[in-house]
């Protein structure tokens, strides 16, 4: 129960901070980072991105080792996938 309360408090604080920072740097960063096809209504983007960041941040605060291991695993999978794709493209061009 304590972990849940800590997660809720962290979520609320991070959501508040993300919504407050949207008009400043966070909104501009998302505008530059997201492709035009993924952008929608600016008000909806504000809530969706802020909630997603708050969920990730609160989970990182509560279970940092699990999050780090997940990020390392995802990075390894992306790296292996990129290597395999480059290898496959090289093989396809040779034949």
PDB file of N, CA and C in Angstrom:
ATOM      1  N   UNK A   1       0.820  -1.193   0.000  1.00  0.00           N
ATOM      2  CA  UNK A   1       0.000   0.000   0.000  1.00  0.00           C
ATOM      3  C   UNK A   1       0.865   1.258   0.000  1.00  0.00           C
ATOM      4  N   UNK A   2       1.984   1.207   0.707  1.00  0.00           N
ATOM      5  CA  UNK A   2       2.869   2.366   0.770  1.00  0.00           C
ATOM      6  C   UNK A   2       3.443   2.692  -0.597  1.00  0.00           C
ATOM      7  N   UNK A   3       3.812   1.665  -1.358  1.00  0.00           N
ATOM      8  CA  UNK A   3       4.368   1.886  -2.695  1.00  0.00           C
ATOM      9  C   UNK A   3       3.330   2.559  -3.587  1.00  0.00           C
ATOM     10  N   UNK A   4       2.077   2.149  -3.455  1.00  0.00           N
ATOM     11  CA  UNK A   4       1.005   2.750  -4.245  1.00  0.00           C
ATOM     12  C   UNK A   4       0.818   4.225  -3.894  1.00  0.00           C
ATOM     13  N   UNK A   5       0.868   4.549  -2.623  1.00  0.00           N
ATOM     14  CA  UNK A   5       0.717   5.949  -2.190  1.00  0.00           C
ATOM     15  C   UNK A   5       1.888   6.791  -2.704  1.00  0.00           C
ATOM     16  N   UNK A   6       3.089   6.256  -2.608  1.00  0.00           N
ATOM     17  CA  UNK A   6       4.265   6.975  -3.113  1.00  0.00           C
ATOM     18  C   UNK A   6       4.136   7.186  -4.614  1.00  0.00           C
ATOM     19  N   UNK A   7       3.671   6.156  -5.331  1.00  0.00           N
ATOM     20  CA  UNK A   7       3.505   6.265  -6.778  1.00  0.00           C
ATOM     21  C   UNK A   7       2.471   7.335  -7.119  1.00  0.00           C
ATOM     22  N   UNK A   8       1.351   7.372  -6.387  1.00  0.00           N
ATOM     23  CA  UNK A   8       0.311   8.369  -6.647  1.00  0.00           C
ATOM     24  C   UNK A   8       0.806   9.791  -6.390  1.00  0.00           C
ATOM     25  N   UNK A   9       1.545   9.970  -5.308  1.00  0.00           N
ATOM     26  CA  UNK A   9       2.081  11.301  -4.999  1.00  0.00           C
ATOM     27  C   UNK A   9       3.088  11.726  -6.065  1.00  0.00           C
ATOM     28  N   UNK A  10       3.973  10.817  -6.441  1.00  0.00           N
ATOM     29  CA  UNK A  10       4.954  11.139  -7.479  1.00  0.00           C
ATOM     30  C   UNK A  10       4.264  11.432  -8.808  1.00  0.00           C
ATOM     31  N   UNK A  11       3.231  10.658  -9.136  1.00  0.00           N
ATOM     32  CA  UNK A  11       2.475  10.883 -10.368  1.00  0.00           C
ATOM     33  C   UNK A  11       1.836  12.270 -10.359  1.00  0.00           C
ATOM     34  N   UNK A  12       1.201  12.626  -9.252  1.00  0.00           N
ATOM     35  CA  UNK A  12       0.534  13.927  -9.166  1.00  0.00           C
ATOM     36  C   UNK A  12       1.529  15.075  -9.287  1.00  0.00           C
ATOM     37  N   UNK A  13       2.653  14.964  -8.618  1.00  0.00           N
ATOM     38  CA  UNK A  13       3.665  16.026  -8.670  1.00  0.00           C
ATOM     39  C   UNK A  13       4.250  16.140 -10.078  1.00  0.00           C
ATOM     40  N   UNK A  14       4.587  15.009 -10.682  1.00  0.00           N
ATOM     41  CA  UNK A  14       5.167  15.044 -12.027  1.00  0.00           C
ATOM     42  C   UNK A  14       4.160  15.525 -13.064  1.00  0.00           C
ATOM     43  N   UNK A  15       2.896  15.148 -12.915  1.00  0.00           N
ATOM     44  CA  UNK A  15       1.869  15.640 -13.835  1.00  0.00           C
ATOM     45  C   UNK A  15       1.711  17.144 -13.710  1.00  0.00           C
ATOM     46  N   UNK A  16       1.691  17.642 -12.495  1.00  0.00           N
ATOM     47  CA  UNK A  16       1.598  19.079 -12.271  1.00  0.00           C
ATOM     48  C   UNK A  16       2.786  19.815 -12.898  1.00  0.00           C
ATOM     49  N   UNK A  17       3.982  19.288 -12.678  1.00  0.00           N
ATOM     50  CA  UNK A  17       5.176  19.939 -13.225  1.00  0.00           C
ATOM     51  C   UNK A  17       5.202  19.883 -14.758  1.00  0.00           C
ATOM     52  N   UNK A  18       4.770  18.770 -15.335  1.00  0.00           N
ATOM     53  CA  UNK A  18       4.756  18.646 -16.792  1.00  0.00           C
ATOM     54  C   UNK A  18       3.737  19.594 -17.398  1.00  0.00           C
ATOM     55  N   UNK A  19       2.564  19.703 -16.795  1.00  0.00           N
ATOM     56  CA  UNK A  19       1.550  20.619 -17.319  1.00  0.00           C
ATOM     57  C   UNK A  19       1.991  22.070 -17.177  1.00  0.00           C
ATOM     58  N   UNK A  20       2.688  22.355 -16.093  1.00  0.00           N
ATOM     59  CA  UNK A  20       3.173  23.721 -15.872  1.00  0.00           C
ATOM     60  C   UNK A  20       4.295  24.073 -16.858  1.00  0.00           C
ATOM     61  N   UNK A  21       5.133  23.089 -17.201  1.00  0.00           N
ATOM     62  CA  UNK A  21       6.269  23.333 -18.099  1.00  0.00           C
ATOM     63  C   UNK A  21       5.875  23.255 -19.573  1.00  0.00           C
ATOM     64  N   UNK A  22       4.626  22.914 -19.867  1.00  0.00           N
ATOM     65  CA  UNK A  22       4.222  22.749 -21.256  1.00  0.00           C
ATOM     66  C   UNK A  22       4.363  24.043 -22.051  1.00  0.00           C
ATOM     67  N   UNK A  23       3.992  25.153 -21.471  1.00  0.00           N
ATOM     68  CA  UNK A  23       4.086  26.437 -22.179  1.00  0.00           C
ATOM     69  C   UNK A  23       5.529  26.871 -22.380  1.00  0.00           C
ATOM     70  N   UNK A  24       6.410  26.343 -21.598  1.00  0.00           N
ATOM     71  CA  UNK A  24       7.824  26.696 -21.710  1.00  0.00           C
ATOM     72  C   UNK A  24       8.565  25.755 -22.637  1.00  0.00           C
ATOM     73  N   UNK A  25       9.439  24.973 -22.075  1.00  0.00           N
ATOM     74  CA  UNK A  25      10.332  24.140 -22.873  1.00  0.00           C
ATOM     75  C   UNK A  25       9.718  22.821 -23.311  1.00  0.00           C
ATOM     76  N   UNK A  26       8.860  22.230 -22.505  1.00  0.00           N
ATOM     77  CA  UNK A  26       8.339  20.898 -22.821  1.00  0.00           C
ATOM     78  C   UNK A  26       7.485  20.907 -24.084  1.00  0.00           C
ATOM     79  N   UNK A  27       6.629  21.891 -24.241  1.00  0.00           N
ATOM     80  CA  UNK A  27       5.787  21.971 -25.435  1.00  0.00           C
ATOM     81  C   UNK A  27       6.612  22.157 -26.698  1.00  0.00           C
ATOM     82  N   UNK A  28       7.618  22.996 -26.632  1.00  0.00           N
ATOM     83  CA  UNK A  28       8.494  23.194 -27.785  1.00  0.00           C
ATOM     84  C   UNK A  28       9.291  21.950 -28.125  1.00  0.00           C
ATOM     85  N   UNK A  29       9.729  21.238 -27.102  1.00  0.00           N
ATOM     86  CA  UNK A  29      10.472  20.004 -27.325  1.00  0.00           C
ATOM     87  C   UNK A  29       9.602  18.959 -28.011  1.00  0.00           C
ATOM     88  N   UNK A  30       8.376  18.819 -27.566  1.00  0.00           N
ATOM     89  CA  UNK A  30       7.460  17.851 -28.177  1.00  0.00           C
ATOM     90  C   UNK A  30       7.126  18.262 -29.596  1.00  0.00           C
ATOM     91  N   UNK A  31       6.944  19.549 -29.842  1.00  0.00           N
ATOM     92  CA  UNK A  31       6.662  20.041 -31.201  1.00  0.00           C
ATOM     93  C   UNK A  31       7.803  19.693 -32.155  1.00  0.00           C
ATOM     94  N   UNK A  32       9.022  19.833 -31.696  1.00  0.00           N
ATOM     95  CA  UNK A  32      10.181  19.512 -32.542  1.00  0.00           C
ATOM     96  C   UNK A  32      10.379  18.008 -32.681  1.00  0.00           C
ATOM     97  N   UNK A  33      10.067  17.251 -31.640  1.00  0.00           N
ATOM     98  CA  UNK A  33      10.377  15.827 -31.609  1.00  0.00           C
ATOM     99  C   UNK A  33       9.349  14.981 -32.342  1.00  0.00           C
ATOM    100  N   UNK A  34       8.063  15.309 -32.183  1.00  0.00           N
ATOM    101  CA  UNK A  34       7.019  14.509 -32.816  1.00  0.00           C
ATOM    102  C   UNK A  34       6.894  14.850 -34.297  1.00  0.00           C
ATOM    103  N   UNK A  35       6.777  13.854 -35.150  1.00  0.00           N
ATOM    104  CA  UNK A  35       6.512  14.130 -36.561  1.00  0.00           C
ATOM    105  C   UNK A  35       5.116  14.722 -36.732  1.00  0.00           C
ATOM    106  N   UNK A  36       4.899  15.385 -37.836  1.00  0.00           N
ATOM    107  CA  UNK A  36       3.622  16.060 -38.083  1.00  0.00           C
ATOM    108  C   UNK A  36       2.459  15.070 -38.099  1.00  0.00           C
ATOM    109  N   UNK A  37       2.708  13.836 -38.522  1.00  0.00           N
ATOM    110  CA  UNK A  37       1.642  12.845 -38.590  1.00  0.00           C
ATOM    111  C   UNK A  37       1.149  12.427 -37.204  1.00  0.00           C
ATOM    112  N   UNK A  38       1.998  12.529 -36.205  1.00  0.00           N
ATOM    113  CA  UNK A  38       1.623  12.125 -34.846  1.00  0.00           C
ATOM    114  C   UNK A  38       1.062  13.269 -34.018  1.00  0.00           C
ATOM    115  N   UNK A  39       1.213  14.485 -34.499  1.00  0.00           N
ATOM    116  CA  UNK A  39       0.683  15.631 -33.761  1.00  0.00           C
ATOM    117  C   UNK A  39      -0.814  15.731 -33.981  1.00  0.00           C
ATOM    118  N   UNK A  40      -1.509  16.070 -32.942  1.00  0.00           N
ATOM    119  CA  UNK A  40      -2.950  16.247 -33.028  1.00  0.00           C
ATOM    120  C   UNK A  40      -3.327  17.616 -32.518  1.00  0.00           C
ATOM    121  N   UNK A  41      -4.408  17.643 -31.806  1.00  0.00           N
ATOM    122  CA  UNK A  41      -4.847  18.872 -31.171  1.00  0.00           C
ATOM    123  C   UNK A  41      -3.840  19.249 -30.082  1.00  0.00           C
ATOM    124  N   UNK A  42      -3.372  20.497 -30.055  1.00  0.00           N
ATOM    125  CA  UNK A  42      -2.367  20.870 -29.037  1.00  0.00           C
ATOM    126  C   UNK A  42      -2.824  20.638 -27.598  1.00  0.00           C
ATOM    127  N   UNK A  43      -4.111  20.830 -27.321  1.00  0.00           N
ATOM    128  CA  UNK A  43      -4.600  20.592 -25.958  1.00  0.00           C
ATOM    129  C   UNK A  43      -4.554  19.103 -25.626  1.00  0.00           C
ATOM    130  N   UNK A  44      -4.873  18.272 -26.602  1.00  0.00           N
ATOM    131  CA  UNK A  44      -4.831  16.827 -26.372  1.00  0.00           C
ATOM    132  C   UNK A  44      -3.386  16.355 -26.245  1.00  0.00           C
ATOM    133  N   UNK A  45      -2.488  16.890 -27.074  1.00  0.00           N
ATOM    134  CA  UNK A  45      -1.072  16.538 -26.971  1.00  0.00           C
ATOM    135  C   UNK A  45      -0.528  16.885 -25.592  1.00  0.00           C
ATOM    136  N   UNK A  46      -0.938  18.025 -25.086  1.00  0.00           N
ATOM    137  CA  UNK A  46      -0.460  18.466 -23.775  1.00  0.00           C
ATOM    138  C   UNK A  46      -0.813  17.433 -22.702  1.00  0.00           C
ATOM    139  N   UNK A  47      -2.050  16.974 -22.688  1.00  0.00           N
ATOM    140  CA  UNK A  47      -2.478  16.020 -21.669  1.00  0.00           C
ATOM    141  C   UNK A  47      -1.877  14.647 -21.890  1.00  0.00           C
ATOM    142  N   UNK A  48      -1.842  14.187 -23.122  1.00  0.00           N
ATOM    143  CA  UNK A  48      -1.326  12.844 -23.393  1.00  0.00           C
ATOM    144  C   UNK A  48       0.158  12.734 -23.037  1.00  0.00           C
ATOM    145  N   UNK A  49       0.950  13.694 -23.467  1.00  0.00           N
ATOM    146  CA  UNK A  49       2.386  13.651 -23.207  1.00  0.00           C
ATOM    147  C   UNK A  49       2.654  13.842 -21.715  1.00  0.00           C
ATOM    148  N   UNK A  50       1.928  14.741 -21.081  1.00  0.00           N
ATOM    149  CA  UNK A  50       2.141  14.986 -19.654  1.00  0.00           C
ATOM    150  C   UNK A  50       1.795  13.755 -18.813  1.00  0.00           C
ATOM    151  N   UNK A  51       0.696  13.096 -19.137  1.00  0.00           N
ATOM    152  CA  UNK A  51       0.314  11.890 -18.391  1.00  0.00           C
ATOM    153  C   UNK A  51       1.326  10.773 -18.632  1.00  0.00           C
ATOM    154  N   UNK A  52       1.768  10.614 -19.880  1.00  0.00           N
ATOM    155  CA  UNK A  52       2.753   9.571 -20.184  1.00  0.00           C
ATOM    156  C   UNK A  52       4.059   9.818 -19.431  1.00  0.00           C
ATOM    157  N   UNK A  53       4.531  11.054 -19.429  1.00  0.00           N
ATOM    158  CA  UNK A  53       5.763  11.372 -18.702  1.00  0.00           C
ATOM    159  C   UNK A  53       5.592  11.190 -17.195  1.00  0.00           C
ATOM    160  N   UNK A  54       4.413  11.536 -16.674  1.00  0.00           N
ATOM    161  CA  UNK A  54       4.172  11.362 -15.243  1.00  0.00           C
ATOM    162  C   UNK A  54       4.139   9.884 -14.868  1.00  0.00           C
ATOM    163  N   UNK A  55       3.549   9.046 -15.706  1.00  0.00           N
ATOM    164  CA  UNK A  55       3.517   7.609 -15.436  1.00  0.00           C
ATOM    165  C   UNK A  55       4.929   7.036 -15.453  1.00  0.00           C
ATOM    166  N   UNK A  56       5.696   7.388 -16.478  1.00  0.00           N
ATOM    167  CA  UNK A  56       7.074   6.887 -16.552  1.00  0.00           C
ATOM    168  C   UNK A  56       7.921   7.388 -15.388  1.00  0.00           C
ATOM    169  N   UNK A  57       7.784   8.649 -15.055  1.00  0.00           N
ATOM    170  CA  UNK A  57       8.560   9.214 -13.953  1.00  0.00           C
ATOM    171  C   UNK A  57       8.200   8.609 -12.606  1.00  0.00           C
ATOM    172  N   UNK A  58       6.907   8.426 -12.352  1.00  0.00           N
ATOM    173  CA  UNK A  58       6.483   7.843 -11.081  1.00  0.00           C
ATOM    174  C   UNK A  58       6.944   6.393 -10.974  1.00  0.00           C
ATOM    175  N   UNK A  59       6.860   5.662 -12.066  1.00  0.00           N
ATOM    176  CA  UNK A  59       7.331   4.279 -12.046  1.00  0.00           C
ATOM    177  C   UNK A  59       8.837   4.223 -11.851  1.00  0.00           C
ATOM    178  N   UNK A  60       9.556   5.164 -12.449  1.00  0.00           N
ATOM    179  CA  UNK A  60      11.006   5.212 -12.269  1.00  0.00           C
ATOM    180  C   UNK A  60      11.374   5.536 -10.826  1.00  0.00           C
ATOM    181  N   UNK A  61      10.583   6.363 -10.172  1.00  0.00           N
ATOM    182  CA  UNK A  61      10.853   6.694  -8.766  1.00  0.00           C
ATOM    183  C   UNK A  61      10.588   5.491  -7.869  1.00  0.00           C
ATOM    184  N   UNK A  62       9.521   4.748  -8.149  1.00  0.00           N
ATOM    185  CA  UNK A  62       9.146   3.622  -7.289  1.00  0.00           C
ATOM    186  C   UNK A  62      10.012   2.394  -7.555  1.00  0.00           C
ATOM    187  N   UNK A  63      10.267   2.080  -8.817  1.00  0.00           N
ATOM    188  CA  UNK A  63      11.040   0.877  -9.181  1.00  0.00           C
ATOM    189  C   UNK A  63      12.161   1.252 -10.147  1.00  0.00           C
ATOM    190  N   UNK A  64      13.213   1.906  -9.666  1.00  0.00           N
ATOM    191  CA  UNK A  64      14.258   2.385 -10.583  1.00  0.00           C
ATOM    192  C   UNK A  64      15.063   1.263 -11.234  1.00  0.00           C
ATOM    193  N   UNK A  65      15.332   0.195 -10.521  1.00  0.00           N
ATOM    194  CA  UNK A  65      16.138  -0.890 -11.091  1.00  0.00           C
ATOM    195  C   UNK A  65      15.378  -1.577 -12.225  1.00  0.00           C
ATOM    196  N   UNK A  66      14.102  -1.829 -12.034  1.00  0.00           N
ATOM    197  CA  UNK A  66      13.296  -2.449 -13.085  1.00  0.00           C
ATOM    198  C   UNK A  66      13.243  -1.561 -14.325  1.00  0.00           C
ATOM    199  N   UNK A  67      13.095  -0.269 -14.115  1.00  0.00           N
ATOM    200  CA  UNK A  67      13.037   0.654 -15.253  1.00  0.00           C
ATOM    201  C   UNK A  67      14.377   0.705 -15.981  1.00  0.00           C
ATOM    202  N   UNK A  68      15.476   0.741 -15.235  1.00  0.00           N
ATOM    203  CA  UNK A  68      16.797   0.764 -15.870  1.00  0.00           C
ATOM    204  C   UNK A  68      17.056  -0.516 -16.658  1.00  0.00           C
ATOM    205  N   UNK A  69      16.706  -1.653 -16.082  1.00  0.00           N
ATOM    206  CA  UNK A  69      16.892  -2.912 -16.799  1.00  0.00           C
ATOM    207  C   UNK A  69      16.007  -2.970 -18.045  1.00  0.00           C
ATOM    208  N   UNK A  70      14.810  -2.451 -17.966  1.00  0.00           N
ATOM    209  CA  UNK A  70      13.926  -2.408 -19.130  1.00  0.00           C
ATOM    210  C   UNK A  70      14.507  -1.504 -20.209  1.00  0.00           C
ATOM    211  N   UNK A  71      15.027  -0.345 -19.813  1.00  0.00           N
ATOM    212  CA  UNK A  71      15.630   0.565 -20.791  1.00  0.00           C
ATOM    213  C   UNK A  71      16.871  -0.044 -21.443  1.00  0.00           C
ATOM    214  N   UNK A  72      17.669  -0.749 -20.653  1.00  0.00           N
ATOM    215  CA  UNK A  72      18.850  -1.410 -21.214  1.00  0.00           C
ATOM    216  C   UNK A  72      18.435  -2.506 -22.183  1.00  0.00           C
ATOM    217  N   UNK A  73      17.425  -3.286 -21.808  1.00  0.00           N
ATOM    218  CA  UNK A  73      16.929  -4.339 -22.691  1.00  0.00           C
ATOM    219  C   UNK A  73      16.370  -3.764 -23.995  1.00  0.00           C
ATOM    220  N   UNK A  74      15.600  -2.693 -23.909  1.00  0.00           N
ATOM    221  CA  UNK A  74      15.074  -2.052 -25.114  1.00  0.00           C
ATOM    222  C   UNK A  74      16.191  -1.502 -25.997  1.00  0.00           C
ATOM    223  N   UNK A  75      17.200  -0.910 -25.379  1.00  0.00           N
ATOM    224  CA  UNK A  75      18.327  -0.385 -26.159  1.00  0.00           C
ATOM    225  C   UNK A  75      19.066  -1.517 -26.873  1.00  0.00           C
ATOM    226  N   UNK A  76      19.255  -2.635 -26.191  1.00  0.00           N
ATOM    227  CA  UNK A  76      19.910  -3.781 -26.831  1.00  0.00           C
ATOM    228  C   UNK A  76      19.079  -4.330 -27.988  1.00  0.00           C
ATOM    229  N   UNK A  77      17.770  -4.425 -27.802  1.00  0.00           N
ATOM    230  CA  UNK A  77      16.901  -4.911 -28.867  1.00  0.00           C
ATOM    231  C   UNK A  77      16.916  -3.979 -30.077  1.00  0.00           C
ATOM    232  N   UNK A  78      16.902  -2.687 -29.840  1.00  0.00           N
ATOM    233  CA  UNK A  78      16.975  -1.725 -30.945  1.00  0.00           C
ATOM    234  C   UNK A  78      18.310  -1.840 -31.654  1.00  0.00           C
ATOM    235  N   UNK A  79      19.385  -1.984 -30.898  1.00  0.00           N
ATOM    236  CA  UNK A  79      20.715  -2.103 -31.502  1.00  0.00           C
ATOM    237  C   UNK A  79      20.820  -3.363 -32.357  1.00  0.00           C
ATOM    238  N   UNK A  80      20.341  -4.498 -31.824  1.00  0.00           N
ATOM    239  CA  UNK A  80      20.389  -5.751 -32.585  1.00  0.00           C
ATOM    240  C   UNK A  80      19.500  -5.647 -33.819  1.00  0.00           C
ATOM    241  N   UNK A  81      18.322  -5.073 -33.675  1.00  0.00           N
ATOM    242  CA  UNK A  81      17.434  -4.900 -34.822  1.00  0.00           C
ATOM    243  C   UNK A  81      18.037  -4.029 -35.899  1.00  0.00           C
ATOM    244  N   UNK A  82      18.710  -2.980 -35.483  1.00  0.00           N
ATOM    245  CA  UNK A  82      19.367  -2.089 -36.445  1.00  0.00           C
ATOM    246  C   UNK A  82      20.493  -2.813 -37.175  1.00  0.00           C
ATOM    247  N   UNK A  83      21.270  -3.575 -36.435  1.00  0.00           N
ATOM    248  CA  UNK A  83      22.358  -4.344 -37.051  1.00  0.00           C
ATOM    249  C   UNK A  83      21.814  -5.374 -38.042  1.00  0.00           C
ATOM    250  N   UNK A  84      20.749  -6.075 -37.654  1.00  0.00           N
ATOM    251  CA  UNK A  84      20.156  -7.066 -38.546  1.00  0.00           C
ATOM    252  C   UNK A  84      19.570  -6.421 -39.798  1.00  0.00           C
ATOM    253  N   UNK A  85      18.949  -5.265 -39.643  1.00  0.00           N
ATOM    254  CA  UNK A  85      18.384  -4.572 -40.794  1.00  0.00           C
ATOM    255  C   UNK A  85      19.489  -4.125 -41.747  1.00  0.00           C
ATOM    256  N   UNK A  86      20.584  -3.601 -41.220  1.00  0.00           N
ATOM    257  CA  UNK A  86      21.710  -3.194 -42.067  1.00  0.00           C
ATOM    258  C   UNK A  86      22.316  -4.398 -42.780  1.00  0.00           C
ATOM    259  N   UNK A  87      22.457  -5.504 -42.061  1.00  0.00           N
ATOM    260  CA  UNK A  87      22.988  -6.725 -42.665  1.00  0.00           C
ATOM    261  C   UNK A  87      22.075  -7.222 -43.778  1.00  0.00           C
ATOM    262  N   UNK A  88      20.773  -7.221 -43.537  1.00  0.00           N
ATOM    263  CA  UNK A  88      19.803  -7.690 -44.534  1.00  0.00           C
ATOM    264  C   UNK A  88      19.804  -6.785 -45.777  1.00  0.00           C
ATOM    265  N   UNK A  89      19.928  -5.483 -45.547  1.00  0.00           N
ATOM    266  CA  UNK A  89      19.975  -4.576 -46.704  1.00  0.00           C
ATOM    267  C   UNK A  89      21.243  -4.771 -47.515  1.00  0.00           C
ATOM    268  N   UNK A  90      22.355  -5.028 -46.857  1.00  0.00           N
ATOM    269  CA  UNK A  90      23.598  -5.287 -47.582  1.00  0.00           C
ATOM    270  C   UNK A  90      23.476  -6.573 -48.394  1.00  0.00           C
ATOM    271  N   UNK A  91      22.895  -7.604 -47.790  1.00  0.00           N
ATOM    272  CA  UNK A  91      22.708  -8.874 -48.511  1.00  0.00           C
ATOM    273  C   UNK A  91      21.761  -8.700 -49.688  1.00  0.00           C
ATOM    274  N   UNK A  92      20.737  -7.902 -49.534  1.00  0.00           N
ATOM    275  CA  UNK A  92      19.759  -7.702 -50.612  1.00  0.00           C
ATOM    276  C   UNK A  92      20.382  -6.944 -51.778  1.00  0.00           C
ATOM    277  N   UNK A  93      21.314  -6.037 -51.514  1.00  0.00           N
ATOM    278  CA  UNK A  93      21.940  -5.270 -52.584  1.00  0.00           C
ATOM    279  C   UNK A  93      22.964  -6.098 -53.342  1.00  0.00           C
ATOM    280  N   UNK A  94      23.559  -7.099 -52.693  1.00  0.00           N
ATOM    281  CA  UNK A  94      24.565  -7.913 -53.348  1.00  0.00           C
ATOM    282  C   UNK A  94      23.953  -8.870 -54.359  1.00  0.00           C
ATOM    283  N   UNK A  95      22.738  -9.296 -54.141  1.00  0.00           N
ATOM    284  CA  UNK A  95      22.135 -10.307 -55.015  1.00  0.00           C
ATOM    285  C   UNK A  95      21.115  -9.720 -55.887  1.00  0.00           C
TER     286      UNK A  95
END
